[in-house]
Amino acid sequence: MPPALRVLLAGALFSTGGSLIKLQTLPSLQRAGSRALLAGLVIFLLLPPARRLPTRRILLLAPAYFGATALFVVANTLTTAAHAIFLQSAAPLWVVLLAPLLLRERPTRGDLAVLLGVGVGMALFFAAPVATAATAPNPRLGDWLAVASGVSFALLLIGMRWLARSAKGEECAAIAWSNLIACPLAFACMPLVGQEPIVGVALDWMVIAALGTLQMGVSYSLLVTGIPHLSALRASLLTMIEPVFSAGIAWLVHGEAMHALAMLGGACIVVAVLASAWLARGGAR
């Protein structure tokens, strides 16, 4: 499977997370920790290069991974699924700022043009009003947490690209071990935000099973094997298919309708992703 297609498929699987998370009654950090544990086990099973003891280089990605995943789960319980994912998906903006410093990778003019489309789409989406609802009890706080999750995701993409340069499969081990570390860390943070673990109901654990295996385990296995062959910016742009699908699924499942400005912003994102794929094809030629 071509690397770009792996990253796109990973984005499509990621998009199911927002709606699935909202189906649960478990506290947000319990959801994040339980999902991470199962995802880590799946990644160890699917990726033989991940089956190694962690080194200092591998463990450096754990904080970024925890921020990208745990903060997103918490944000998704406070704001709409569409807002959470679109704001997290500002990662390309942070990649543009950080990749030249951390990876010495300079964006091309084509990348910047595509990024402009992404930025316009994000701005339109953020300008769209959002009202408090049962599935979005504190939209503004959730929005800010989603932004923080986006910064963490950008650092994660840059970190995986950095590890991939060694061609030793360290990025696979980093994602697997980051999941296992995220589990106890999420549970340890629960008292800090006034949460306690609960038993939950059967539906909660069915959703956790889907989140841990397909939405996280399989998707990150695809992402981590595709990203070594792409720049950090290109990979982050390809995953922009996630917010579009996520918003549509949230509307179908939870009735979270998008404002007209948000719909226009989503259209900008789709066009930007398609343009990114076309530019990559031309570059390969």
Protein backbone atom coordinates (compact mmCIF):
# COMPACT_ATOMS: atom_id res chain seq x y z
CA MET A 1 0.00 0.00 0.00
CA PRO A 2 1.46 3.43 -0.97
CA PRO A 3 2.56 5.54 2.04
CA ALA A 4 0.19 8.40 1.19
CA LEU A 5 -2.76 6.00 1.03
CA ARG A 6 -1.82 4.55 4.42
CA VAL A 7 -1.85 8.00 5.98
CA LEU A 8 -5.18 8.85 4.33
CA LEU A 9 -6.74 5.59 5.55
CA ALA A 10 -5.40 6.31 9.03
CA GLY A 11 -7.14 9.68 8.92
CA ALA A 12 -10.42 8.03 7.91
CA LEU A 13 -10.22 5.63 10.88
CA PHE A 14 -9.28 8.47 13.22
CA SER A 15 -12.48 10.27 12.19
CA THR A 16 -14.70 7.75 13.98
CA GLY A 17 -13.26 8.74 17.38
CA GLY A 18 -15.30 11.87 18.07
CA SER A 19 -18.69 10.23 17.73
CA LEU A 20 -17.68 6.99 19.47
CA ILE A 21 -16.25 8.86 22.46
CA LYS A 22 -19.56 10.68 22.94
CA LEU A 23 -21.44 7.37 23.17
CA GLN A 24 -19.78 6.55 26.49
CA THR A 25 -20.64 7.37 30.11
CA LEU A 26 -17.10 6.78 31.46
CA PRO A 27 -15.14 9.82 32.73
CA SER A 28 -13.10 11.36 29.91
CA LEU A 29 -9.66 10.39 31.24
CA GLN A 30 -10.84 6.85 31.94
CA ARG A 31 -11.93 6.65 28.32
CA ALA A 32 -8.53 7.93 27.18
CA GLY A 33 -6.55 5.56 29.40
CA SER A 34 -8.58 2.46 28.58
CA ARG A 35 -8.43 3.18 24.86
CA ALA A 36 -4.68 3.71 25.01
CA LEU A 37 -4.00 0.40 26.76
CA LEU A 38 -5.87 -1.61 24.14
CA ALA A 39 -4.35 0.40 21.28
CA GLY A 40 -0.84 -0.27 22.58
CA LEU A 41 -1.46 -4.02 22.65
CA VAL A 42 -2.83 -3.93 19.09
CA ILE A 43 0.19 -2.00 17.81
CA PHE A 44 2.59 -4.47 19.45
CA LEU A 45 0.68 -7.26 17.71
CA LEU A 46 0.60 -5.66 14.25
CA LEU A 47 4.07 -4.10 14.13
CA PRO A 48 7.02 -6.41 14.91
CA PRO A 49 9.48 -3.44 14.96
CA ALA A 50 7.54 -2.09 17.96
CA ARG A 51 8.50 -5.10 20.10
CA ARG A 52 11.61 -3.68 21.69
CA LEU A 53 12.51 -2.19 25.04
CA PRO A 54 12.03 1.58 25.13
CA THR A 55 15.04 3.85 24.87
CA ARG A 56 15.37 7.51 25.83
CA ARG A 57 14.69 8.51 22.21
CA ILE A 58 11.53 6.43 22.13
CA LEU A 59 10.24 7.77 25.44
CA LEU A 60 10.67 11.37 24.28
CA LEU A 61 7.48 11.03 22.22
CA ALA A 62 5.32 9.91 25.15
CA PRO A 63 4.39 13.44 26.41
CA ALA A 64 3.39 14.60 22.92
CA TYR A 65 1.35 11.44 22.36
CA PHE A 66 -0.44 11.82 25.69
CA GLY A 67 -1.25 15.44 24.92
CA ALA A 68 -2.51 14.65 21.42
CA THR A 69 -4.78 11.80 22.51
CA ALA A 70 -5.87 12.47 26.09
CA LEU A 71 -6.50 16.19 25.57
CA PHE A 72 -8.56 15.37 22.48
CA VAL A 73 -10.76 12.95 24.42
CA VAL A 74 -11.36 15.54 27.15
CA ALA A 75 -12.01 18.28 24.58
CA ASN A 76 -14.45 16.05 22.73
CA THR A 77 -16.54 15.62 25.88
CA LEU A 78 -16.76 19.41 26.36
CA THR A 79 -17.31 20.77 22.85
CA THR A 80 -18.78 19.41 19.62
CA ALA A 81 -16.95 16.62 17.82
CA ALA A 82 -16.55 18.85 14.77
CA HIS A 83 -14.99 21.71 16.74
CA ALA A 84 -12.68 19.36 18.64
CA ILE A 85 -11.31 17.68 15.55
CA PHE A 86 -11.06 20.78 13.36
CA LEU A 87 -9.16 22.69 16.03
CA GLN A 88 -6.88 19.73 16.69
CA SER A 89 -6.34 19.55 12.96
CA ALA A 90 -4.60 22.91 13.05
CA ALA A 91 -1.51 20.71 13.47
CA PRO A 92 -0.19 21.64 9.98
CA LEU A 93 0.07 25.25 11.12
CA TRP A 94 2.22 24.22 14.08
CA VAL A 95 4.25 21.86 11.90
CA VAL A 96 5.12 24.74 9.59
CA LEU A 97 6.37 26.74 12.57
CA LEU A 98 8.22 23.91 14.32
CA ALA A 99 9.53 21.60 11.56
CA PRO A 100 12.17 24.06 10.29
CA LEU A 101 13.51 24.36 13.84
CA LEU A 102 13.30 20.70 14.87
CA LEU A 103 13.72 18.81 11.58
CA ARG A 104 15.37 21.35 9.28
CA GLU A 105 12.57 20.60 6.78
CA ARG A 106 11.51 23.65 4.80
CA PRO A 107 7.97 23.74 3.34
CA THR A 108 7.75 24.14 -0.43
CA ARG A 109 5.70 26.84 -2.12
CA GLY A 110 3.12 24.23 -3.00
CA ASP A 111 2.87 23.16 0.65
CA LEU A 112 2.40 26.76 1.73
CA ALA A 113 -0.36 27.26 -0.85
CA VAL A 114 -2.18 24.17 0.39
CA LEU A 115 -1.60 25.29 3.95
CA LEU A 116 -3.26 28.61 3.15
CA GLY A 117 -6.40 26.74 2.14
CA VAL A 118 -6.28 24.77 5.38
CA GLY A 119 -5.83 27.99 7.36
CA VAL A 120 -8.80 29.67 5.68
CA GLY A 121 -10.94 26.62 6.37
CA MET A 122 -9.88 26.55 10.03
CA ALA A 123 -10.58 30.26 10.45
CA LEU A 124 -14.07 29.92 8.99
CA PHE A 125 -14.80 26.94 11.20
CA PHE A 126 -13.57 28.68 14.33
CA ALA A 127 -15.67 31.76 13.49
CA ALA A 128 -18.84 29.65 13.40
CA PRO A 129 -20.87 30.02 16.64
CA VAL A 130 -21.39 26.99 18.86
CA ALA A 131 -24.07 26.70 21.54
CA THR A 132 -24.00 24.72 24.77
CA ALA A 133 -25.67 21.33 24.38
CA ALA A 134 -25.89 17.95 26.07
CA THR A 135 -22.97 16.69 23.99
CA ALA A 136 -21.07 20.01 24.33
CA PRO A 137 -21.49 21.31 27.92
CA ASN A 138 -18.49 23.69 27.88
CA PRO A 139 -17.65 24.49 24.24
CA ARG A 140 -15.11 27.26 24.83
CA LEU A 141 -12.96 25.27 27.27
CA GLY A 142 -13.20 22.26 24.97
CA ASP A 143 -12.05 24.41 22.05
CA TRP A 144 -8.91 25.53 23.88
CA LEU A 145 -8.09 21.97 24.90
CA ALA A 146 -8.51 20.93 21.28
CA VAL A 147 -6.00 23.60 20.23
CA ALA A 148 -3.53 22.24 22.80
CA SER A 149 -4.16 18.76 21.44
CA GLY A 150 -3.33 20.05 17.95
CA VAL A 151 0.02 21.44 19.12
CA SER A 152 0.78 18.08 20.74
CA PHE A 153 -0.17 16.22 17.56
CA ALA A 154 2.17 18.41 15.52
CA LEU A 155 5.01 17.59 17.91
CA LEU A 156 4.11 13.91 17.64
CA LEU A 157 4.27 13.97 13.84
CA ILE A 158 7.60 15.78 13.95
CA GLY A 159 8.90 13.32 16.53
CA MET A 160 7.90 10.28 14.48
CA ARG A 161 9.57 11.77 11.44
CA TRP A 162 12.73 12.38 13.50
CA LEU A 163 12.81 8.79 14.75
CA ALA A 164 12.10 7.44 11.26
CA ARG A 165 15.36 8.96 9.99
CA SER A 166 17.32 6.28 11.82
CA ALA A 167 15.54 3.56 9.76
CA LYS A 168 15.47 1.32 12.85
CA GLY A 169 11.70 1.20 13.33
CA GLU A 170 11.91 3.30 16.50
CA GLU A 171 8.79 5.24 15.57
CA CYS A 172 6.74 2.04 15.79
CA ALA A 173 8.02 1.31 19.30
CA ALA A 174 7.45 4.94 20.29
CA ILE A 175 3.74 4.81 19.46
CA ALA A 176 3.24 1.43 21.14
CA TRP A 177 5.03 2.40 24.35
CA SER A 178 3.43 5.85 24.38
CA ASN A 179 0.03 4.16 24.49
CA LEU A 180 1.04 1.93 27.39
CA ILE A 181 2.43 4.96 29.25
CA ALA A 182 -0.66 7.04 28.49
CA CYS A 183 -2.92 4.52 30.25
CA PRO A 184 -1.58 4.83 33.83
CA LEU A 185 -0.86 8.52 33.28
CA ALA A 186 -4.48 9.21 32.36
CA PHE A 187 -5.76 7.37 35.42
CA ALA A 188 -3.22 9.17 37.63
CA CYS A 189 -4.51 12.54 36.37
CA MET A 190 -8.16 11.76 37.12
CA PRO A 191 -8.12 13.05 40.74
CA LEU A 192 -6.56 16.32 39.53
CA VAL A 193 -9.72 17.14 37.55
CA GLY A 194 -12.19 15.66 40.00
CA GLN A 195 -12.79 12.36 38.21
CA GLU A 196 -13.03 8.83 39.57
CA PRO A 197 -13.06 5.52 37.65
CA ILE A 198 -16.46 3.85 37.31
CA VAL A 199 -17.56 0.38 36.21
CA GLY A 200 -19.68 1.67 33.34
CA VAL A 201 -22.09 -0.35 31.21
CA ALA A 202 -21.64 -2.89 28.44
CA LEU A 203 -21.90 -0.23 25.71
CA ASP A 204 -19.01 1.69 27.26
CA TRP A 205 -16.63 -1.24 26.93
CA MET A 206 -17.87 -2.17 23.46
CA VAL A 207 -17.01 1.35 22.37
CA ILE A 208 -13.62 1.14 24.11
CA ALA A 209 -12.94 -2.06 22.16
CA ALA A 210 -13.72 -0.30 18.85
CA LEU A 211 -11.69 2.76 19.79
CA GLY A 212 -8.67 0.79 20.94
CA THR A 213 -8.49 -1.63 18.02
CA LEU A 214 -9.66 0.13 14.83
CA GLN A 215 -9.75 3.83 15.68
CA MET A 216 -6.35 3.85 17.41
CA GLY A 217 -4.46 0.56 17.06
CA VAL A 218 -4.93 -0.07 13.33
CA SER A 219 -4.91 3.62 12.37
CA TYR A 220 -1.65 4.40 14.16
CA SER A 221 -0.10 1.25 12.69
CA LEU A 222 -0.92 2.63 9.24
CA LEU A 223 0.28 6.12 10.13
CA VAL A 224 3.58 5.04 11.65
CA THR A 225 4.46 2.89 8.62
CA GLY A 226 3.51 5.59 6.12
CA ILE A 227 5.05 8.67 7.70
CA PRO A 228 8.74 7.66 7.21
CA HIS A 229 8.24 8.15 3.46
CA LEU A 230 6.57 11.58 3.74
CA SER A 231 7.57 14.94 5.17
CA ALA A 232 5.97 15.90 8.49
CA LEU A 233 3.97 18.64 6.77
CA ARG A 234 2.77 16.34 3.99
CA ALA A 235 1.65 13.71 6.49
CA SER A 236 -0.22 16.26 8.60
CA LEU A 237 -1.97 17.62 5.52
CA LEU A 238 -3.06 14.17 4.36
CA THR A 239 -4.65 13.45 7.74
CA MET A 240 -6.85 16.51 7.20
CA ILE A 241 -9.44 14.15 5.76
CA GLU A 242 -10.19 13.23 9.38
CA PRO A 243 -12.08 16.38 10.45
CA VAL A 244 -14.37 16.32 7.43
CA PHE A 245 -15.44 12.74 8.04
CA SER A 246 -15.62 13.29 11.80
CA ALA A 247 -18.01 16.23 11.46
CA GLY A 248 -20.26 14.26 9.12
CA ILE A 249 -20.39 11.23 11.41
CA ALA A 250 -21.16 13.45 14.44
CA TRP A 251 -24.06 15.02 12.55
CA LEU A 252 -25.48 11.63 11.59
CA VAL A 253 -25.03 10.02 15.03
CA HIS A 254 -25.51 12.89 17.49
CA GLY A 255 -27.33 15.54 15.44
CA GLU A 256 -24.44 18.02 15.84
CA ALA A 257 -25.28 20.18 12.82
CA MET A 258 -22.57 22.37 11.37
CA HIS A 259 -23.01 26.12 10.95
CA ALA A 260 -22.85 27.50 7.39
CA LEU A 261 -19.41 28.97 8.09
CA ALA A 262 -18.23 25.61 9.37
CA MET A 263 -19.51 23.89 6.24
CA LEU A 264 -17.64 26.39 4.08
CA GLY A 265 -14.52 25.83 6.14
CA GLY A 266 -14.88 22.07 5.71
CA ALA A 267 -15.09 22.55 1.95
CA CYS A 268 -11.82 24.50 2.04
CA ILE A 269 -10.20 21.65 3.94
CA VAL A 270 -11.32 19.06 1.40
CA VAL A 271 -9.99 21.12 -1.51
CA ALA A 272 -6.69 21.64 0.31
CA VAL A 273 -6.26 17.90 0.98
CA LEU A 274 -6.98 17.06 -2.67
CA ALA A 275 -4.50 19.72 -3.79
CA SER A 276 -1.90 18.27 -1.43
CA ALA A 277 -2.35 14.80 -2.93
CA TRP A 278 -2.07 16.22 -6.46
CA LEU A 279 1.11 18.13 -5.65
CA ALA A 280 2.63 15.02 -4.09
CA ARG A 281 1.84 13.06 -7.24
CA GLY A 282 3.48 15.68 -9.41
CA GLY A 283 6.55 15.73 -7.17
CA ALA A 284 6.90 11.96 -7.46
CA ARG A 285 6.88 12.25 -11.23
